[in-house]
Amino acid sequence: TTEGNQDYWSNPIGTGVTCRAAQPVFDLLGASDRNAVYYRDGGHAQNEKDWTAIVDFFLRVTE
């Protein structure tokens, strides 16, 4: 997932907590590298940095 570190509407801190809490399930399923959060400076708006992070993540996990 991608988050703006100043996007308090979508709760970037809670997103990080949820991602870390879910990691044992990803590990159990053999998908340890498929759970991630990308934080960028800013608020509630997708931008080029978000899309670059999403595409990079997709390419990494589908190799």
PDB file of N, CA and C in Angstrom:
ATOM      1  N   THR A   1       0.841  -1.168   0.000  1.00  0.00           N
ATOM      2  CA  THR A   1       0.000   0.000   0.000  1.00  0.00           C
ATOM      3  C   THR A   1       0.890   1.236   0.000  1.00  0.00           C
ATOM      4  N   THR A   2       0.391   2.344  -0.447  1.00  0.00           N
ATOM      5  CA  THR A   2       1.134   3.601  -0.409  1.00  0.00           C
ATOM      6  C   THR A   2       0.389   4.573   0.490  1.00  0.00           C
ATOM      7  N   GLU A   3       1.143   5.398   1.196  1.00  0.00           N
ATOM      8  CA  GLU A   3       0.555   6.350   2.138  1.00  0.00           C
ATOM      9  C   GLU A   3       1.337   7.644   2.120  1.00  0.00           C
ATOM     10  N   GLY A   4       0.643   8.746   2.288  1.00  0.00           N
ATOM     11  CA  GLY A   4       1.296  10.016   2.573  1.00  0.00           C
ATOM     12  C   GLY A   4       1.521  10.104   4.073  1.00  0.00           C
ATOM     13  N   ASN A   5       2.724  10.465   4.484  1.00  0.00           N
ATOM     14  CA  ASN A   5       3.004  10.486   5.919  1.00  0.00           C
ATOM     15  C   ASN A   5       2.258  11.597   6.654  1.00  0.00           C
ATOM     16  N   GLN A   6       1.604  12.486   5.923  1.00  0.00           N
ATOM     17  CA  GLN A   6       0.779  13.529   6.531  1.00  0.00           C
ATOM     18  C   GLN A   6      -0.696  13.340   6.176  1.00  0.00           C
ATOM     19  N   ASP A   7      -1.050  12.147   5.740  1.00  0.00           N
ATOM     20  CA  ASP A   7      -2.431  11.837   5.357  1.00  0.00           C
ATOM     21  C   ASP A   7      -3.163  11.269   6.568  1.00  0.00           C
ATOM     22  N   TYR A   8      -3.518  12.150   7.481  1.00  0.00           N
ATOM     23  CA  TYR A   8      -4.121  11.698   8.729  1.00  0.00           C
ATOM     24  C   TYR A   8      -5.523  11.143   8.527  1.00  0.00           C
ATOM     25  N   TRP A   9      -6.157  11.455   7.417  1.00  0.00           N
ATOM     26  CA  TRP A   9      -7.479  10.906   7.115  1.00  0.00           C
ATOM     27  C   TRP A   9      -7.403   9.394   6.947  1.00  0.00           C
ATOM     28  N   SER A  10      -6.347   8.907   6.291  1.00  0.00           N
ATOM     29  CA  SER A  10      -6.260   7.460   6.054  1.00  0.00           C
ATOM     30  C   SER A  10      -5.340   6.753   7.047  1.00  0.00           C
ATOM     31  N   ASN A  11      -4.842   7.468   8.062  1.00  0.00           N
ATOM     32  CA  ASN A  11      -4.170   6.863   9.205  1.00  0.00           C
ATOM     33  C   ASN A  11      -2.880   6.129   8.847  1.00  0.00           C
ATOM     34  N   PRO A  12      -1.820   6.843   8.468  1.00  0.00           N
ATOM     35  CA  PRO A  12      -0.572   6.173   8.110  1.00  0.00           C
ATOM     36  C   PRO A  12       0.032   5.366   9.256  1.00  0.00           C
ATOM     37  N   ILE A  13      -0.144   5.799  10.490  1.00  0.00           N
ATOM     38  CA  ILE A  13       0.382   5.030  11.622  1.00  0.00           C
ATOM     39  C   ILE A  13      -0.356   3.701  11.734  1.00  0.00           C
ATOM     40  N   GLY A  14      -1.672   3.734  11.642  1.00  0.00           N
ATOM     41  CA  GLY A  14      -2.464   2.502  11.697  1.00  0.00           C
ATOM     42  C   GLY A  14      -2.166   1.565  10.544  1.00  0.00           C
ATOM     43  N   THR A  15      -1.874   2.127   9.381  1.00  0.00           N
ATOM     44  CA  THR A  15      -1.509   1.300   8.232  1.00  0.00           C
ATOM     45  C   THR A  15      -0.224   0.540   8.516  1.00  0.00           C
ATOM     46  N   GLY A  16       0.758   1.211   9.103  1.00  0.00           N
ATOM     47  CA  GLY A  16       2.012   0.550   9.452  1.00  0.00           C
ATOM     48  C   GLY A  16       1.815  -0.533  10.490  1.00  0.00           C
ATOM     49  N   VAL A  17       0.997  -0.259  11.498  1.00  0.00           N
ATOM     50  CA  VAL A  17       0.706  -1.254  12.534  1.00  0.00           C
ATOM     51  C   VAL A  17       0.030  -2.472  11.914  1.00  0.00           C
ATOM     52  N   THR A  18      -0.923  -2.249  11.036  1.00  0.00           N
ATOM     53  CA  THR A  18      -1.631  -3.342  10.377  1.00  0.00           C
ATOM     54  C   THR A  18      -0.699  -4.164   9.500  1.00  0.00           C
ATOM     55  N   CYS A  19       0.170  -3.501   8.769  1.00  0.00           N
ATOM     56  CA  CYS A  19       1.125  -4.201   7.911  1.00  0.00           C
ATOM     57  C   CYS A  19       2.035  -5.102   8.745  1.00  0.00           C
ATOM     58  N   ARG A  20       2.564  -4.567   9.846  1.00  0.00           N
ATOM     59  CA  ARG A  20       3.430  -5.374  10.714  1.00  0.00           C
ATOM     60  C   ARG A  20       2.656  -6.519  11.357  1.00  0.00           C
ATOM     61  N   ALA A  21       1.418  -6.283  11.753  1.00  0.00           N
ATOM     62  CA  ALA A  21       0.617  -7.335  12.380  1.00  0.00           C
ATOM     63  C   ALA A  21       0.283  -8.453  11.402  1.00  0.00           C
ATOM     64  N   ALA A  22       0.142  -8.121  10.126  1.00  0.00           N
ATOM     65  CA  ALA A  22      -0.193  -9.125   9.112  1.00  0.00           C
ATOM     66  C   ALA A  22       1.014  -9.931   8.653  1.00  0.00           C
ATOM     67  N   GLN A  23       2.226  -9.457   8.938  1.00  0.00           N
ATOM     68  CA  GLN A  23       3.427 -10.109   8.413  1.00  0.00           C
ATOM     69  C   GLN A  23       3.534 -11.589   8.781  1.00  0.00           C
ATOM     70  N   PRO A  24       3.201 -12.014  10.000  1.00  0.00           N
ATOM     71  CA  PRO A  24       3.284 -13.450  10.300  1.00  0.00           C
ATOM     72  C   PRO A  24       2.420 -14.319   9.381  1.00  0.00           C
ATOM     73  N   VAL A  25       1.292 -13.807   8.952  1.00  0.00           N
ATOM     74  CA  VAL A  25       0.438 -14.561   8.026  1.00  0.00           C
ATOM     75  C   VAL A  25       1.118 -14.671   6.668  1.00  0.00           C
ATOM     76  N   PHE A  26       1.680 -13.582   6.186  1.00  0.00           N
ATOM     77  CA  PHE A  26       2.419 -13.623   4.922  1.00  0.00           C
ATOM     78  C   PHE A  26       3.580 -14.607   5.020  1.00  0.00           C
ATOM     79  N   ASP A  27       4.291 -14.597   6.158  1.00  0.00           N
ATOM     80  CA  ASP A  27       5.402 -15.524   6.370  1.00  0.00           C
ATOM     81  C   ASP A  27       4.911 -16.968   6.336  1.00  0.00           C
ATOM     82  N   LEU A  28       3.818 -17.244   7.026  1.00  0.00           N
ATOM     83  CA  LEU A  28       3.248 -18.593   7.078  1.00  0.00           C
ATOM     84  C   LEU A  28       2.872 -19.094   5.689  1.00  0.00           C
ATOM     85  N   LEU A  29       2.391 -18.203   4.853  1.00  0.00           N
ATOM     86  CA  LEU A  29       1.968 -18.576   3.505  1.00  0.00           C
ATOM     87  C   LEU A  29       3.114 -18.569   2.491  1.00  0.00           C
ATOM     88  N   GLY A  30       4.328 -18.304   2.967  1.00  0.00           N
ATOM     89  CA  GLY A  30       5.476 -18.285   2.067  1.00  0.00           C
ATOM     90  C   GLY A  30       5.509 -17.074   1.158  1.00  0.00           C
ATOM     91  N   ALA A  31       4.889 -16.006   1.581  1.00  0.00           N
ATOM     92  CA  ALA A  31       4.818 -14.789   0.767  1.00  0.00           C
ATOM     93  C   ALA A  31       5.382 -13.595   1.533  1.00  0.00           C
ATOM     94  N   SER A  32       6.477 -13.815   2.231  1.00  0.00           N
ATOM     95  CA  SER A  32       7.051 -12.784   3.104  1.00  0.00           C
ATOM     96  C   SER A  32       7.325 -11.470   2.398  1.00  0.00           C
ATOM     97  N   ASP A  33       7.665 -11.539   1.129  1.00  0.00           N
ATOM     98  CA  ASP A  33       8.044 -10.332   0.391  1.00  0.00           C
ATOM     99  C   ASP A  33       6.860  -9.616  -0.256  1.00  0.00           C
ATOM    100  N   ARG A  34       5.650 -10.045   0.034  1.00  0.00           N
ATOM    101  CA  ARG A  34       4.478  -9.461  -0.635  1.00  0.00           C
ATOM    102  C   ARG A  34       3.642  -8.556   0.262  1.00  0.00           C
ATOM    103  N   ASN A  35       4.188  -8.172   1.376  1.00  0.00           N
ATOM    104  CA  ASN A  35       3.508  -7.284   2.311  1.00  0.00           C
ATOM    105  C   ASN A  35       4.400  -6.063   2.510  1.00  0.00           C
ATOM    106  N   ALA A  36       3.921  -4.896   2.142  1.00  0.00           N
ATOM    107  CA  ALA A  36       4.762  -3.707   2.245  1.00  0.00           C
ATOM    108  C   ALA A  36       3.918  -2.440   2.297  1.00  0.00           C
ATOM    109  N   VAL A  37       4.514  -1.413   2.867  1.00  0.00           N
ATOM    110  CA  VAL A  37       3.927  -0.076   2.857  1.00  0.00           C
ATOM    111  C   VAL A  37       4.993   0.879   2.345  1.00  0.00           C
ATOM    112  N   TYR A  38       4.609   1.767   1.460  1.00  0.00           N
ATOM    113  CA  TYR A  38       5.495   2.817   0.968  1.00  0.00           C
ATOM    114  C   TYR A  38       4.956   4.142   1.495  1.00  0.00           C
ATOM    115  N   TYR A  39       5.785   4.867   2.238  1.00  0.00           N
ATOM    116  CA  TYR A  39       5.415   6.188   2.745  1.00  0.00           C
ATOM    117  C   TYR A  39       6.127   7.262   1.936  1.00  0.00           C
ATOM    118  N   ARG A  40       5.397   8.309   1.612  1.00  0.00           N
ATOM    119  CA  ARG A  40       5.985   9.468   0.945  1.00  0.00           C
ATOM    120  C   ARG A  40       5.576  10.715   1.714  1.00  0.00           C
ATOM    121  N   ASP A  41       6.323  11.779   1.532  1.00  0.00           N
ATOM    122  CA  ASP A  41       5.948  13.059   2.132  1.00  0.00           C
ATOM    123  C   ASP A  41       4.669  13.553   1.471  1.00  0.00           C
ATOM    124  N   GLY A  42       3.743  14.026   2.273  1.00  0.00           N
ATOM    125  CA  GLY A  42       2.540  14.611   1.708  1.00  0.00           C
ATOM    126  C   GLY A  42       1.265  14.100   2.340  1.00  0.00           C
ATOM    127  N   GLY A  43       0.170  14.517   1.733  1.00  0.00           N
ATOM    128  CA  GLY A  43      -1.149  14.210   2.250  1.00  0.00           C
ATOM    129  C   GLY A  43      -1.888  13.170   1.435  1.00  0.00           C
ATOM    130  N   HIS A  44      -3.204  13.361   1.341  1.00  0.00           N
ATOM    131  CA  HIS A  44      -4.111  12.377   0.759  1.00  0.00           C
ATOM    132  C   HIS A  44      -4.249  12.595  -0.746  1.00  0.00           C
ATOM    133  N   ALA A  45      -3.264  12.163  -1.498  1.00  0.00           N
ATOM    134  CA  ALA A  45      -3.321  12.266  -2.959  1.00  0.00           C
ATOM    135  C   ALA A  45      -2.295  11.313  -3.547  1.00  0.00           C
ATOM    136  N   GLN A  46      -2.715  10.503  -4.495  1.00  0.00           N
ATOM    137  CA  GLN A  46      -1.765   9.650  -5.209  1.00  0.00           C
ATOM    138  C   GLN A  46      -0.966  10.532  -6.156  1.00  0.00           C
ATOM    139  N   ASN A  47       0.326  10.258  -6.254  1.00  0.00           N
ATOM    140  CA  ASN A  47       1.137  11.010  -7.198  1.00  0.00           C
ATOM    141  C   ASN A  47       2.116  10.062  -7.894  1.00  0.00           C
ATOM    142  N   GLU A  48       3.021  10.627  -8.669  1.00  0.00           N
ATOM    143  CA  GLU A  48       3.955   9.813  -9.451  1.00  0.00           C
ATOM    144  C   GLU A  48       4.808   8.912  -8.559  1.00  0.00           C
ATOM    145  N   LYS A  49       5.199   9.402  -7.384  1.00  0.00           N
ATOM    146  CA  LYS A  49       6.002   8.582  -6.468  1.00  0.00           C
ATOM    147  C   LYS A  49       5.232   7.338  -6.029  1.00  0.00           C
ATOM    148  N   ASP A  50       3.942   7.492  -5.751  1.00  0.00           N
ATOM    149  CA  ASP A  50       3.118   6.343  -5.364  1.00  0.00           C
ATOM    150  C   ASP A  50       3.069   5.318  -6.489  1.00  0.00           C
ATOM    151  N   TRP A  51       2.783   5.787  -7.694  1.00  0.00           N
ATOM    152  CA  TRP A  51       2.655   4.858  -8.820  1.00  0.00           C
ATOM    153  C   TRP A  51       3.976   4.182  -9.142  1.00  0.00           C
ATOM    154  N   THR A  52       5.077   4.906  -9.000  1.00  0.00           N
ATOM    155  CA  THR A  52       6.390   4.295  -9.213  1.00  0.00           C
ATOM    156  C   THR A  52       6.629   3.202  -8.182  1.00  0.00           C
ATOM    157  N   ALA A  53       6.300   3.466  -6.927  1.00  0.00           N
ATOM    158  CA  ALA A  53       6.469   2.459  -5.873  1.00  0.00           C
ATOM    159  C   ALA A  53       5.584   1.243  -6.132  1.00  0.00           C
ATOM    160  N   ILE A  54       4.349   1.464  -6.568  1.00  0.00           N
ATOM    161  CA  ILE A  54       3.429   0.356  -6.850  1.00  0.00           C
ATOM    162  C   ILE A  54       3.959  -0.505  -7.991  1.00  0.00           C
ATOM    163  N   VAL A  55       4.387   0.120  -9.071  1.00  0.00           N
ATOM    164  CA  VAL A  55       4.905  -0.632 -10.219  1.00  0.00           C
ATOM    165  C   VAL A  55       6.186  -1.368  -9.838  1.00  0.00           C
ATOM    166  N   ASP A  56       7.096  -0.719  -9.113  1.00  0.00           N
ATOM    167  CA  ASP A  56       8.330  -1.377  -8.679  1.00  0.00           C
ATOM    168  C   ASP A  56       8.028  -2.601  -7.817  1.00  0.00           C
ATOM    169  N   PHE A  57       7.079  -2.464  -6.894  1.00  0.00           N
ATOM    170  CA  PHE A  57       6.695  -3.587  -6.034  1.00  0.00           C
ATOM    171  C   PHE A  57       6.110  -4.720  -6.873  1.00  0.00           C
ATOM    172  N   PHE A  58       5.214  -4.398  -7.780  1.00  0.00           N
ATOM    173  CA  PHE A  58       4.597  -5.403  -8.646  1.00  0.00           C
ATOM    174  C   PHE A  58       5.654  -6.155  -9.448  1.00  0.00           C
ATOM    175  N   LEU A  59       6.580  -5.414 -10.043  1.00  0.00           N
ATOM    176  CA  LEU A  59       7.623  -6.055 -10.850  1.00  0.00           C
ATOM    177  C   LEU A  59       8.520  -6.943  -9.991  1.00  0.00           C
ATOM    178  N   ARG A  60       8.798  -6.515  -8.770  1.00  0.00           N
ATOM    179  CA  ARG A  60       9.657  -7.309  -7.882  1.00  0.00           C
ATOM    180  C   ARG A  60       8.993  -8.622  -7.478  1.00  0.00           C
ATOM    181  N   VAL A  61       7.717  -8.581  -7.140  1.00  0.00           N
ATOM    182  CA  VAL A  61       7.064  -9.802  -6.645  1.00  0.00           C
ATOM    183  C   VAL A  61       6.571 -10.712  -7.764  1.00  0.00           C
ATOM    184  N   THR A  62       6.596 -10.249  -9.001  1.00  0.00           N
ATOM    185  CA  THR A  62       6.148 -11.103 -10.108  1.00  0.00           C
ATOM    186  C   THR A  62       7.300 -11.604 -10.965  1.00  0.00           C
ATOM    187  N   GLU A  63       8.537 -11.388 -10.527  1.00  0.00           N
ATOM    188  CA  GLU A  63       9.692 -11.873 -11.296  1.00  0.00           C
ATOM    189  C   GLU A  63       9.725 -13.380 -11.321  1.00  0.00           C
TER     190      GLU A  63
END
